[in-house]
Amino acid sequence: MVGENDGIVPDAKLYCTQITDSLFDDIDWLLDQGVNVINMSNGVINGGQYDDAAEWIDHIASYHSVHFVCAAGNYYPINGFDLFTPATAYNTLTVGSYDDNNTPTNHTDDDFSATFSCFEEASSTQCNNPKLLAPGENIFMSGVTGGLSGTSISAPLTTAVVAQLIDYSSSFLWLKRNSETSEIQLTDLDLRVYDPNGNFVDSSLSTYNNYEVLEFDPTVSGYYTFKVFRYGTSSSTKEHLAIAKW
């Protein structure tokens, strides 16, 4: 994550705390140090519920302008694939793991979600975590013998990228909400794709989300049109849009 020669974000200042008696006290200490992004490669088994800890993280992220990156959690027989908490929060970048199989080309043919990566929430009305996948299987790092696997590896890699974005622009933020019953309402963005002839191809229409993920195979050559439709907030609310392809 950090390191003079091999780190993803070598100029970052790193603070560490070990969860002891109180998660809240540890997070408060990090906030007192003025951190911009907090990696949480820890969590509690709670059946994928949106609980008090997740709601508190939502509050802190919203009102202190700090970014939380949380490991989604790994499969255990007692838990199944239910997300750990606070990875169920709305304002976290909850990260699952995928295996890239170390192939530099044709990566879409053999990159798959890791078999241990958690993804289930207790309710379909929650916030569709995890929000993204990052490499997290058989990862080699300086000073560590052998490959490491787990969403606890994926999360810090993502944290480092977020730190890079903050270093590039201190105004790097995304619209957040205080809790699932907050007066701060997320914009619901839906995505539709049309081929060069104007024919509808596919759509992603999840509810109460300001991001969508869509996969399709182009059938004709030319320029495809992506249309974004917004719902749920005033038309005067400004939104920054970005589209990434792979």
Protein backbone atom coordinates (compact mmCIF):
# COMPACT_ATOMS: atom_id res chain seq x y z
CA MET A 1 0.00 0.00 0.00
CA VAL A 2 2.75 2.43 0.98
CA GLY A 3 6.48 2.10 0.48
CA GLU A 4 9.25 4.21 -0.95
CA ASN A 5 9.88 1.95 -3.93
CA ASP A 6 7.09 -0.60 -4.28
CA GLY A 7 4.06 1.08 -2.72
CA ILE A 8 0.96 2.01 -4.71
CA VAL A 9 0.89 5.42 -3.03
CA PRO A 10 4.45 5.96 -1.69
CA ASP A 11 3.90 9.53 -0.45
CA ALA A 12 0.98 8.70 1.83
CA LYS A 13 1.27 9.08 5.60
CA LEU A 14 0.13 5.85 7.23
CA TYR A 15 -1.54 5.58 10.66
CA CYS A 16 -2.31 2.21 12.22
CA THR A 17 -4.61 1.22 15.04
CA GLN A 18 -5.62 -2.19 16.31
CA ILE A 19 -9.26 -2.76 17.16
CA THR A 20 -9.29 -3.35 20.90
CA ASP A 21 -12.16 -2.52 23.25
CA SER A 22 -13.95 0.01 21.09
CA LEU A 23 -14.17 0.42 17.34
CA PHE A 24 -15.61 3.89 17.93
CA ASP A 25 -12.64 5.06 20.00
CA ASP A 26 -10.18 3.77 17.41
CA ILE A 27 -11.98 5.56 14.57
CA ASP A 28 -12.15 8.75 16.64
CA TRP A 29 -8.38 8.58 17.17
CA LEU A 30 -7.80 8.27 13.42
CA LEU A 31 -10.08 11.25 12.79
CA ASP A 32 -8.04 13.26 15.31
CA GLN A 33 -4.96 12.56 13.16
CA GLY A 34 -6.70 14.17 10.19
CA VAL A 35 -6.83 11.09 7.96
CA ASN A 36 -8.63 11.22 4.59
CA VAL A 37 -9.28 7.53 4.02
CA ILE A 38 -9.62 4.64 6.47
CA ASN A 39 -9.07 1.02 5.51
CA MET A 40 -11.11 -1.51 7.50
CA SER A 41 -9.91 -5.03 6.83
CA ASN A 42 -11.95 -6.19 9.79
CA GLY A 43 -15.56 -6.87 10.50
CA VAL A 44 -18.12 -8.73 12.58
CA ILE A 45 -20.40 -11.55 11.48
CA ASN A 46 -23.96 -10.25 11.69
CA GLY A 47 -25.98 -11.96 8.97
CA GLY A 48 -25.47 -9.17 6.45
CA GLN A 49 -27.54 -6.77 8.57
CA TYR A 50 -27.40 -2.98 8.45
CA ASP A 51 -26.71 -2.47 12.14
CA ASP A 52 -25.67 0.26 14.60
CA ALA A 53 -22.00 0.03 13.63
CA ALA A 54 -22.80 0.46 9.92
CA GLU A 55 -25.10 3.39 10.67
CA TRP A 56 -22.40 5.05 12.77
CA ILE A 57 -19.85 4.64 9.96
CA ASP A 58 -22.37 6.23 7.57
CA HIS A 59 -22.71 9.19 9.92
CA ILE A 60 -18.94 9.65 10.29
CA ALA A 61 -18.32 9.35 6.54
CA SER A 62 -21.01 11.89 5.76
CA TYR A 63 -20.24 14.54 8.38
CA HIS A 64 -16.45 14.24 8.59
CA SER A 65 -15.75 13.88 4.85
CA VAL A 66 -13.63 10.79 5.37
CA HIS A 67 -13.66 7.76 3.07
CA PHE A 68 -14.05 4.25 4.44
CA VAL A 69 -12.89 1.21 2.48
CA CYS A 70 -14.21 -2.01 4.01
CA ALA A 71 -13.42 -5.65 3.28
CA ALA A 72 -16.61 -7.48 2.34
CA GLY A 73 -15.62 -10.51 4.40
CA ASN A 74 -14.70 -14.10 3.63
CA TYR A 75 -16.84 -17.21 3.62
CA TYR A 76 -17.18 -19.10 6.88
CA PRO A 77 -19.62 -21.99 7.50
CA ILE A 78 -21.23 -20.04 10.36
CA ASN A 79 -21.74 -17.00 8.14
CA GLY A 80 -22.03 -18.27 4.57
CA PHE A 81 -21.57 -15.44 2.10
CA ASP A 82 -23.26 -12.76 4.25
CA LEU A 83 -21.37 -9.46 4.33
CA PHE A 84 -19.60 -8.58 7.54
CA THR A 85 -20.49 -5.35 9.34
CA PRO A 86 -19.71 -2.44 8.90
CA ALA A 87 -19.25 -3.45 5.24
CA THR A 88 -23.06 -3.20 4.95
CA ALA A 89 -22.92 0.61 5.30
CA TYR A 90 -24.04 2.89 2.48
CA ASN A 91 -21.07 5.26 2.59
CA THR A 92 -18.32 2.65 2.50
CA LEU A 93 -16.46 1.42 -0.53
CA THR A 94 -17.13 -2.22 0.27
CA VAL A 95 -14.64 -4.38 -1.60
CA GLY A 96 -14.86 -8.02 -2.60
CA SER A 97 -12.07 -10.12 -4.10
CA TYR A 98 -11.42 -11.50 -7.55
CA ASP A 99 -8.73 -13.77 -8.97
CA ASP A 100 -6.98 -12.29 -12.01
CA ASN A 101 -5.05 -15.53 -12.67
CA ASN A 102 -1.96 -13.43 -13.51
CA THR A 103 -2.86 -13.18 -17.18
CA PRO A 104 -1.89 -9.83 -18.78
CA THR A 105 -4.14 -10.42 -21.82
CA ASN A 106 -7.64 -11.84 -22.32
CA HIS A 107 -8.32 -10.98 -18.71
CA THR A 108 -12.10 -10.98 -19.17
CA ASP A 109 -11.99 -14.69 -19.99
CA ASP A 110 -10.48 -15.91 -16.73
CA ASP A 111 -10.99 -13.20 -14.08
CA PHE A 112 -13.64 -14.35 -11.64
CA SER A 113 -14.95 -13.41 -8.25
CA ALA A 114 -13.02 -15.30 -5.61
CA THR A 115 -14.87 -18.31 -4.24
CA PHE A 116 -14.51 -16.98 -0.67
CA SER A 117 -15.68 -13.40 -1.28
CA CYS A 118 -18.88 -12.42 0.57
CA PHE A 119 -21.66 -10.63 -1.27
CA GLU A 120 -25.03 -11.25 0.42
CA GLU A 121 -27.05 -8.67 2.36
CA ALA A 122 -29.91 -9.40 4.73
CA SER A 123 -32.40 -7.40 2.66
CA SER A 124 -32.81 -6.62 -1.03
CA THR A 125 -33.57 -3.00 -0.06
CA GLN A 126 -30.03 -2.45 1.27
CA CYS A 127 -27.30 -0.76 -0.73
CA ASN A 128 -26.08 -3.52 -3.09
CA ASN A 129 -22.67 -4.09 -1.56
CA PRO A 130 -19.96 -4.92 -2.42
CA LYS A 131 -19.51 -1.92 -4.68
CA LEU A 132 -16.45 -3.30 -6.46
CA LEU A 133 -14.00 -6.19 -6.66
CA ALA A 134 -10.21 -5.90 -6.41
CA PRO A 135 -7.38 -8.44 -6.68
CA GLY A 136 -7.37 -10.55 -3.56
CA GLU A 137 -6.19 -14.06 -4.33
CA ASN A 138 -2.58 -15.23 -4.09
CA ILE A 139 -1.20 -11.69 -3.80
CA PHE A 140 2.56 -11.37 -3.22
CA MET A 141 3.90 -8.42 -1.21
CA SER A 142 7.32 -7.23 -0.14
CA GLY A 143 8.50 -8.77 3.12
CA VAL A 144 5.79 -11.46 3.14
CA THR A 145 6.49 -15.11 2.38
CA GLY A 146 3.99 -16.72 0.02
CA GLY A 147 0.81 -15.41 -1.54
CA LEU A 148 -1.97 -13.85 0.54
CA SER A 149 -5.68 -14.16 -0.14
CA GLY A 150 -8.83 -12.57 1.23
CA THR A 151 -10.97 -9.47 1.01
CA SER A 152 -8.67 -8.04 3.69
CA ILE A 153 -6.04 -7.93 0.93
CA SER A 154 -8.42 -6.40 -1.66
CA ALA A 155 -9.47 -3.57 0.66
CA PRO A 156 -6.03 -1.98 1.29
CA LEU A 157 -5.21 -2.14 -2.42
CA THR A 158 -8.39 -0.15 -3.04
CA THR A 159 -7.59 2.20 -0.16
CA ALA A 160 -4.27 3.02 -1.82
CA VAL A 161 -6.03 3.90 -5.09
CA VAL A 162 -8.47 6.15 -3.22
CA ALA A 163 -5.47 7.86 -1.59
CA GLN A 164 -4.02 8.43 -5.06
CA LEU A 165 -7.27 10.08 -6.17
CA ILE A 166 -7.30 12.31 -3.08
CA ASP A 167 -3.67 13.27 -3.77
CA TYR A 168 -4.66 14.18 -7.33
CA SER A 169 -7.66 16.23 -6.21
CA SER A 170 -8.42 17.13 -2.61
CA SER A 171 -12.05 17.69 -3.63
CA PHE A 172 -12.50 13.99 -4.42
CA LEU A 173 -15.86 13.11 -2.85
CA TRP A 174 -19.03 11.24 -3.68
CA LEU A 175 -22.59 11.97 -2.60
CA LYS A 176 -23.30 10.29 0.74
CA ARG A 177 -26.22 9.75 3.06
CA ASN A 178 -26.33 9.74 6.83
CA SER A 179 -28.27 6.49 7.25
CA GLU A 180 -30.87 4.38 5.53
CA THR A 181 -33.56 6.75 6.88
CA SER A 182 -31.59 9.91 6.28
CA GLU A 183 -32.87 13.16 4.93
CA ILE A 184 -29.81 13.08 2.64
CA GLN A 185 -31.20 11.19 -0.34
CA LEU A 186 -29.02 9.38 -2.83
CA THR A 187 -29.62 10.11 -6.47
CA ASP A 188 -30.93 7.03 -8.24
CA LEU A 189 -29.09 6.77 -11.57
CA ASP A 190 -30.12 4.21 -14.19
CA LEU A 191 -28.05 3.25 -17.21
CA ARG A 192 -29.23 2.27 -20.70
CA VAL A 193 -27.13 1.37 -23.74
CA TYR A 194 -28.02 1.75 -27.43
CA ASP A 195 -26.15 0.44 -30.48
CA PRO A 196 -24.94 2.62 -33.41
CA ASN A 197 -28.34 2.20 -35.08
CA GLY A 198 -30.22 3.48 -32.06
CA ASN A 199 -31.47 0.04 -31.01
CA PHE A 200 -31.79 -0.67 -27.30
CA VAL A 201 -29.08 -3.12 -26.16
CA ASP A 202 -29.35 -3.51 -22.39
CA SER A 203 -29.87 -1.64 -19.11
CA SER A 204 -28.99 -1.63 -15.42
CA LEU A 205 -31.83 -0.29 -13.27
CA SER A 206 -31.06 -1.04 -9.62
CA THR A 207 -33.04 0.97 -7.07
CA TYR A 208 -31.67 3.83 -4.93
CA ASN A 209 -28.13 3.63 -6.30
CA ASN A 210 -25.93 6.31 -7.81
CA TYR A 211 -23.91 3.74 -9.75
CA GLU A 212 -24.76 0.95 -12.18
CA VAL A 213 -22.80 -1.97 -13.62
CA LEU A 214 -23.66 -3.34 -17.06
CA GLU A 215 -22.05 -6.03 -19.19
CA PHE A 216 -22.86 -6.61 -22.86
CA ASP A 217 -21.24 -7.92 -26.06
CA PRO A 218 -21.15 -5.44 -28.99
CA THR A 219 -22.80 -7.00 -32.02
CA VAL A 220 -22.13 -4.24 -34.58
CA SER A 221 -19.24 -1.85 -35.13
CA GLY A 222 -19.58 1.85 -34.46
CA TYR A 223 -20.32 4.26 -31.60
CA TYR A 224 -22.56 3.06 -28.78
CA THR A 225 -24.67 5.51 -26.78
CA PHE A 226 -24.86 5.41 -22.99
CA LYS A 227 -27.84 7.23 -21.48
CA VAL A 228 -28.03 8.00 -17.77
CA PHE A 229 -31.42 8.70 -16.19
CA ARG A 230 -31.68 10.29 -12.76
CA TYR A 231 -34.42 9.96 -10.16
CA GLY A 232 -34.93 10.84 -6.53
CA THR A 233 -33.27 14.25 -6.13
CA SER A 234 -33.94 17.80 -7.17
CA SER A 235 -32.92 18.72 -10.70
CA SER A 236 -30.81 21.51 -9.16
CA THR A 237 -28.55 18.97 -7.42
CA LYS A 238 -25.24 18.73 -9.26
CA GLU A 239 -23.86 15.30 -10.11
CA HIS A 240 -20.46 14.29 -11.50
CA LEU A 241 -20.70 11.36 -13.91
CA ALA A 242 -18.02 8.90 -14.92
CA ILE A 243 -18.16 5.80 -17.13
CA ALA A 244 -15.49 3.11 -16.97
CA LYS A 245 -15.19 0.26 -19.46
CA TRP A 246 -13.25 -2.97 -19.39
